[in-house]
Amino acid sequence: NLAGDIMTQSLQESGTVLVINQKLLHADPNGNAFASSIHAERPDLKVEQVELELTDNNSDTIARILESIPDVCGAYATCARHTNSLLKALDKTHIRLQSVIGSELFDESYRALHERKLSAVIDKRPEHIGYKALQLMINALARGEELPDIHRVTPRIILRANSDKYYVEKENLYGKTLYPE
């Protein structure tokens, strides 16, 4: 929903928004929530969703998809790998979108925010998810606690203006410069 709110407010014209979902055993809820938010706020926008495998580089596939949508005006990648592939696809095609939203703050997405290739990043704090999953598993095995069916993580909206705060925290955590000038 956060990505949908950002997208609807940043698009000036009507058109189609591409959502690049992860191909999972079950449906990726991020893309559907995004599409619902778009339809509720901006019925003049169309949403086209695609599911892609989590391979290292889907940029050629994404480039073909972008080129096949004549009125594409925005894109949202629901995971970090697809964010990186989307950025590469946009470089290959030279298609200029009004709004591009990625997922997770990492070296390339941080750089893309500052180069204005990304409008925003929805950061679901993957390290927090990993630690929480480990804690839940240990509690289940050692203490016999039941595992929850669903665990929700509150995402952060990262824009160019606040990206340094989160990125510098990451640098301090790992003790190295991740984005040298």
C-alpha atoms as a PDB file:
ATOM      1  CA  ASN A   1       0.000   0.000   0.000  1.00  0.00           C
ATOM      2  CA  LEU A   2       2.885   2.382   0.717  1.00  0.00           C
ATOM      3  CA  ALA A   3       4.239   1.895  -2.791  1.00  0.00           C
ATOM      4  CA  GLY A   4       0.765   2.429  -4.242  1.00  0.00           C
ATOM      5  CA  ASP A   5       0.338   5.704  -2.357  1.00  0.00           C
ATOM      6  CA  ILE A   6       3.700   6.979  -3.570  1.00  0.00           C
ATOM      7  CA  MET A   7       3.006   5.905  -7.141  1.00  0.00           C
ATOM      8  CA  THR A   8      -0.464   7.470  -7.372  1.00  0.00           C
ATOM      9  CA  GLN A   9       0.792  10.771  -6.018  1.00  0.00           C
ATOM     10  CA  SER A  10       3.813  10.933  -8.292  1.00  0.00           C
ATOM     11  CA  LEU A  11       2.130  10.056 -11.601  1.00  0.00           C
ATOM     12  CA  GLN A  12       0.803  13.060 -13.454  1.00  0.00           C
ATOM     13  CA  GLU A  13      -0.605  11.250 -16.485  1.00  0.00           C
ATOM     14  CA  SER A  14      -2.693   8.135 -17.050  1.00  0.00           C
ATOM     15  CA  GLY A  15      -1.121   4.967 -18.311  1.00  0.00           C
ATOM     16  CA  THR A  16      -0.007   1.522 -17.220  1.00  0.00           C
ATOM     17  CA  VAL A  17       2.090   0.695 -14.176  1.00  0.00           C
ATOM     18  CA  LEU A  18       4.209  -2.460 -14.319  1.00  0.00           C
ATOM     19  CA  VAL A  19       4.509  -4.519 -11.135  1.00  0.00           C
ATOM     20  CA  ILE A  20       7.321  -7.065 -11.046  1.00  0.00           C
ATOM     21  CA  ASN A  21       6.498  -9.719  -8.459  1.00  0.00           C
ATOM     22  CA  GLN A  22       8.538 -12.610  -7.140  1.00  0.00           C
ATOM     23  CA  LYS A  23       7.438 -15.992  -8.422  1.00  0.00           C
ATOM     24  CA  LEU A  24       6.727 -17.820  -5.180  1.00  0.00           C
ATOM     25  CA  LEU A  25       4.896 -21.002  -4.207  1.00  0.00           C
ATOM     26  CA  HIS A  26       2.078 -18.761  -3.000  1.00  0.00           C
ATOM     27  CA  ALA A  27       1.013 -15.370  -4.366  1.00  0.00           C
ATOM     28  CA  ASP A  28       3.291 -12.397  -3.650  1.00  0.00           C
ATOM     29  CA  PRO A  29       1.022 -10.187  -1.496  1.00  0.00           C
ATOM     30  CA  ASN A  30       3.024  -7.015  -2.211  1.00  0.00           C
ATOM     31  CA  GLY A  31       1.945  -6.751  -5.842  1.00  0.00           C
ATOM     32  CA  ASN A  32      -1.729  -7.332  -5.080  1.00  0.00           C
ATOM     33  CA  ALA A  33      -1.752  -4.762  -2.267  1.00  0.00           C
ATOM     34  CA  PHE A  34      -0.040  -2.291  -4.603  1.00  0.00           C
ATOM     35  CA  ALA A  35      -2.583  -2.926  -7.390  1.00  0.00           C
ATOM     36  CA  SER A  36      -5.524  -2.513  -4.975  1.00  0.00           C
ATOM     37  CA  SER A  37      -4.116   0.778  -3.751  1.00  0.00           C
ATOM     38  CA  ILE A  38      -3.665   2.042  -7.332  1.00  0.00           C
ATOM     39  CA  HIS A  39      -7.207   1.044  -8.347  1.00  0.00           C
ATOM     40  CA  ALA A  40      -8.709   2.711  -5.260  1.00  0.00           C
ATOM     41  CA  GLU A  41      -6.851   6.007  -5.672  1.00  0.00           C
ATOM     42  CA  ARG A  42      -6.426   6.301  -9.436  1.00  0.00           C
ATOM     43  CA  PRO A  43      -8.931   4.300 -11.490  1.00  0.00           C
ATOM     44  CA  ASP A  44      -7.470   5.936 -14.616  1.00  0.00           C
ATOM     45  CA  LEU A  45      -4.277   3.885 -14.159  1.00  0.00           C
ATOM     46  CA  LYS A  46      -3.939   0.294 -15.343  1.00  0.00           C
ATOM     47  CA  VAL A  47      -1.752  -2.197 -13.509  1.00  0.00           C
ATOM     48  CA  GLU A  48       0.035  -5.031 -15.264  1.00  0.00           C
ATOM     49  CA  GLN A  49       1.603  -7.623 -12.977  1.00  0.00           C
ATOM     50  CA  VAL A  50       4.273 -10.134 -13.969  1.00  0.00           C
ATOM     51  CA  GLU A  51       5.879 -12.869 -11.885  1.00  0.00           C
ATOM     52  CA  LEU A  52       9.554 -13.581 -12.425  1.00  0.00           C
ATOM     53  CA  GLU A  53      11.857 -16.199 -10.948  1.00  0.00           C
ATOM     54  CA  LEU A  54      14.467 -14.953  -8.505  1.00  0.00           C
ATOM     55  CA  THR A  55      17.449 -15.166 -10.802  1.00  0.00           C
ATOM     56  CA  ASP A  56      20.391 -12.814 -10.684  1.00  0.00           C
ATOM     57  CA  ASN A  57      19.481 -10.949 -13.841  1.00  0.00           C
ATOM     58  CA  ASN A  58      16.036 -10.614 -15.396  1.00  0.00           C
ATOM     59  CA  SER A  59      16.884  -7.326 -17.096  1.00  0.00           C
ATOM     60  CA  ASP A  60      16.371  -8.607 -20.670  1.00  0.00           C
ATOM     61  CA  THR A  61      12.956 -10.027 -19.771  1.00  0.00           C
ATOM     62  CA  ILE A  62      11.939  -6.820 -17.996  1.00  0.00           C
ATOM     63  CA  ALA A  63      13.191  -4.719 -20.930  1.00  0.00           C
ATOM     64  CA  ARG A  64      11.019  -6.746 -23.354  1.00  0.00           C
ATOM     65  CA  ILE A  65       8.005  -6.352 -21.064  1.00  0.00           C
ATOM     66  CA  LEU A  66       8.516  -2.588 -20.724  1.00  0.00           C
ATOM     67  CA  GLU A  67       8.852  -2.215 -24.497  1.00  0.00           C
ATOM     68  CA  SER A  68       5.623  -4.183 -25.029  1.00  0.00           C
ATOM     69  CA  ILE A  69       3.550  -1.737 -22.952  1.00  0.00           C
ATOM     70  CA  PRO A  70       2.984   1.360 -25.112  1.00  0.00           C
ATOM     71  CA  ASP A  71       1.688   3.597 -22.317  1.00  0.00           C
ATOM     72  CA  VAL A  72       3.928   2.438 -19.448  1.00  0.00           C
ATOM     73  CA  CYS A  73       4.363   5.314 -16.981  1.00  0.00           C
ATOM     74  CA  GLY A  74       5.604   3.649 -13.795  1.00  0.00           C
ATOM     75  CA  ALA A  75       7.097   0.483 -12.358  1.00  0.00           C
ATOM     76  CA  TYR A  76       7.356  -1.201  -8.965  1.00  0.00           C
ATOM     77  CA  ALA A  77       9.681  -4.120  -8.194  1.00  0.00           C
ATOM     78  CA  THR A  78       8.588  -6.004  -5.090  1.00  0.00           C
ATOM     79  CA  CYS A  79      12.021  -7.456  -4.290  1.00  0.00           C
ATOM     80  CA  ALA A  80      15.657  -6.352  -4.338  1.00  0.00           C
ATOM     81  CA  ARG A  81      16.797  -8.646  -7.166  1.00  0.00           C
ATOM     82  CA  HIS A  82      14.026  -7.426  -9.438  1.00  0.00           C
ATOM     83  CA  THR A  83      14.822  -3.818  -8.471  1.00  0.00           C
ATOM     84  CA  ASN A  84      18.375  -4.263  -9.737  1.00  0.00           C
ATOM     85  CA  SER A  85      17.148  -5.963 -12.938  1.00  0.00           C
ATOM     86  CA  LEU A  86      14.583  -3.186 -13.483  1.00  0.00           C
ATOM     87  CA  LEU A  87      17.284  -0.533 -13.206  1.00  0.00           C
ATOM     88  CA  LYS A  88      19.415  -2.384 -15.770  1.00  0.00           C
ATOM     89  CA  ALA A  89      16.403  -2.781 -18.085  1.00  0.00           C
ATOM     90  CA  LEU A  90      15.674   0.934 -17.949  1.00  0.00           C
ATOM     91  CA  ASP A  91      19.293   1.664 -18.891  1.00  0.00           C
ATOM     92  CA  LYS A  92      19.073  -0.773 -21.832  1.00  0.00           C
ATOM     93  CA  THR A  93      15.791   0.553 -23.216  1.00  0.00           C
ATOM     94  CA  HIS A  94      16.208   4.233 -22.425  1.00  0.00           C
ATOM     95  CA  ILE A  95      12.516   4.244 -21.421  1.00  0.00           C
ATOM     96  CA  ARG A  96      11.834   7.114 -19.034  1.00  0.00           C
ATOM     97  CA  LEU A  97       9.153   6.433 -16.459  1.00  0.00           C
ATOM     98  CA  GLN A  98       7.452   9.056 -14.324  1.00  0.00           C
ATOM     99  CA  SER A  99       7.909   6.944 -11.186  1.00  0.00           C
ATOM    100  CA  VAL A 100      10.029   3.893 -10.355  1.00  0.00           C
ATOM    101  CA  ILE A 101       9.789   2.249  -6.940  1.00  0.00           C
ATOM    102  CA  GLY A 102      12.209  -0.423  -5.797  1.00  0.00           C
ATOM    103  CA  SER A 103      12.586  -2.694  -2.808  1.00  0.00           C
ATOM    104  CA  GLU A 104      15.287  -2.859  -0.152  1.00  0.00           C
ATOM    105  CA  LEU A 105      18.108  -0.396   0.373  1.00  0.00           C
ATOM    106  CA  PHE A 106      21.351  -1.819  -0.992  1.00  0.00           C
ATOM    107  CA  ASP A 107      24.328  -0.351  -2.865  1.00  0.00           C
ATOM    108  CA  GLU A 108      22.663  -0.107  -6.283  1.00  0.00           C
ATOM    109  CA  SER A 109      19.315   1.166  -4.997  1.00  0.00           C
ATOM    110  CA  TYR A 110      21.041   3.789  -2.849  1.00  0.00           C
ATOM    111  CA  ARG A 111      23.024   4.968  -5.863  1.00  0.00           C
ATOM    112  CA  ALA A 112      19.887   4.924  -8.059  1.00  0.00           C
ATOM    113  CA  LEU A 113      18.021   7.114  -5.558  1.00  0.00           C
ATOM    114  CA  HIS A 114      20.780   9.698  -5.727  1.00  0.00           C
ATOM    115  CA  GLU A 115      20.935   9.497  -9.511  1.00  0.00           C
ATOM    116  CA  ARG A 116      17.124   9.948  -9.575  1.00  0.00           C
ATOM    117  CA  LYS A 117      16.587   6.641 -11.356  1.00  0.00           C
ATOM    118  CA  LEU A 118      14.436   5.474  -8.433  1.00  0.00           C
ATOM    119  CA  SER A 119      11.664   7.599  -6.960  1.00  0.00           C
ATOM    120  CA  ALA A 120      11.549   5.630  -3.718  1.00  0.00           C
ATOM    121  CA  VAL A 121      12.538   2.373  -2.051  1.00  0.00           C
ATOM    122  CA  ILE A 122      10.235   0.321   0.144  1.00  0.00           C
ATOM    123  CA  ASP A 123      12.649  -1.265   2.609  1.00  0.00           C
ATOM    124  CA  LYS A 124      11.219  -4.277   4.424  1.00  0.00           C
ATOM    125  CA  ARG A 125      14.335  -4.631   6.560  1.00  0.00           C
ATOM    126  CA  PRO A 126      15.494  -8.055   5.361  1.00  0.00           C
ATOM    127  CA  GLU A 127      18.044  -8.445   8.164  1.00  0.00           C
ATOM    128  CA  HIS A 128      15.242  -7.908  10.702  1.00  0.00           C
ATOM    129  CA  ILE A 129      13.125 -10.564   8.980  1.00  0.00           C
ATOM    130  CA  GLY A 130      16.030 -13.029   9.138  1.00  0.00           C
ATOM    131  CA  TYR A 131      16.727 -12.440  12.818  1.00  0.00           C
ATOM    132  CA  LYS A 132      13.030 -12.625  13.691  1.00  0.00           C
ATOM    133  CA  ALA A 133      12.626 -15.879  11.732  1.00  0.00           C
ATOM    134  CA  LEU A 134      15.599 -17.386  13.583  1.00  0.00           C
ATOM    135  CA  GLN A 135      14.159 -16.264  16.927  1.00  0.00           C
ATOM    136  CA  LEU A 136      10.737 -17.764  16.095  1.00  0.00           C
ATOM    137  CA  MET A 137      12.358 -21.046  15.025  1.00  0.00           C
ATOM    138  CA  ILE A 138      14.463 -21.289  18.193  1.00  0.00           C
ATOM    139  CA  ASN A 139      11.429 -20.504  20.366  1.00  0.00           C
ATOM    140  CA  ALA A 140       9.459 -23.215  18.563  1.00  0.00           C
ATOM    141  CA  LEU A 141      12.207 -25.849  18.878  1.00  0.00           C
ATOM    142  CA  ALA A 142      13.540 -25.019  22.345  1.00  0.00           C
ATOM    143  CA  ARG A 143      10.407 -23.776  24.114  1.00  0.00           C
ATOM    144  CA  GLY A 144       7.680 -25.535  22.160  1.00  0.00           C
ATOM    145  CA  GLU A 145       6.028 -22.256  21.141  1.00  0.00           C
ATOM    146  CA  GLU A 146       3.760 -22.322  18.108  1.00  0.00           C
ATOM    147  CA  LEU A 147       4.991 -20.647  14.955  1.00  0.00           C
ATOM    148  CA  PRO A 148       2.735 -17.871  13.677  1.00  0.00           C
ATOM    149  CA  ASP A 149       1.133 -18.401  10.260  1.00  0.00           C
ATOM    150  CA  ILE A 150       2.065 -14.864   9.263  1.00  0.00           C
ATOM    151  CA  HIS A 151       4.623 -12.440  10.646  1.00  0.00           C
ATOM    152  CA  ARG A 152       4.258  -8.839   9.548  1.00  0.00           C
ATOM    153  CA  VAL A 153       7.198  -6.466   9.210  1.00  0.00           C
ATOM    154  CA  THR A 154       6.633  -2.721   9.066  1.00  0.00           C
ATOM    155  CA  PRO A 155       8.412  -1.350   5.987  1.00  0.00           C
ATOM    156  CA  ARG A 156      10.220   1.968   5.709  1.00  0.00           C
ATOM    157  CA  ILE A 157       9.810   4.441   2.872  1.00  0.00           C
ATOM    158  CA  ILE A 158      13.220   5.606   1.757  1.00  0.00           C
ATOM    159  CA  LEU A 159      13.531   8.613  -0.500  1.00  0.00           C
ATOM    160  CA  ARG A 160      16.655  10.404  -1.669  1.00  0.00           C
ATOM    161  CA  ALA A 161      16.203  12.890   1.185  1.00  0.00           C
ATOM    162  CA  ASN A 162      16.342  10.293   3.975  1.00  0.00           C
ATOM    163  CA  SER A 163      18.474   7.593   2.315  1.00  0.00           C
ATOM    164  CA  ASP A 164      21.688   8.714   4.013  1.00  0.00           C
ATOM    165  CA  LYS A 165      20.199   8.094   7.466  1.00  0.00           C
ATOM    166  CA  TYR A 166      19.535   4.421   6.717  1.00  0.00           C
ATOM    167  CA  TYR A 167      22.582   3.867   4.557  1.00  0.00           C
ATOM    168  CA  VAL A 168      24.981   5.377   7.086  1.00  0.00           C
ATOM    169  CA  GLU A 169      23.393   3.187   9.778  1.00  0.00           C
ATOM    170  CA  LYS A 170      24.174   0.192   7.560  1.00  0.00           C
ATOM    171  CA  GLU A 171      27.760   1.390   7.049  1.00  0.00           C
ATOM    172  CA  ASN A 172      28.201   1.791  10.800  1.00  0.00           C
ATOM    173  CA  LEU A 173      26.732  -1.656  11.412  1.00  0.00           C
ATOM    174  CA  TYR A 174      29.119  -3.364   8.995  1.00  0.00           C
ATOM    175  CA  GLY A 175      32.065  -1.019   9.612  1.00  0.00           C
ATOM    176  CA  LYS A 176      32.890  -0.199   6.011  1.00  0.00           C
ATOM    177  CA  THR A 177      32.069   2.326   3.357  1.00  0.00           C
ATOM    178  CA  LEU A 178      29.488   0.788   1.085  1.00  0.00           C
ATOM    179  CA  TYR A 179      29.131   3.608  -1.421  1.00  0.00           C
ATOM    180  CA  PRO A 180      32.469   5.299  -2.050  1.00  0.00           C
ATOM    181  CA  GLU A 181      32.302   8.689  -3.750  1.00  0.00           C
END
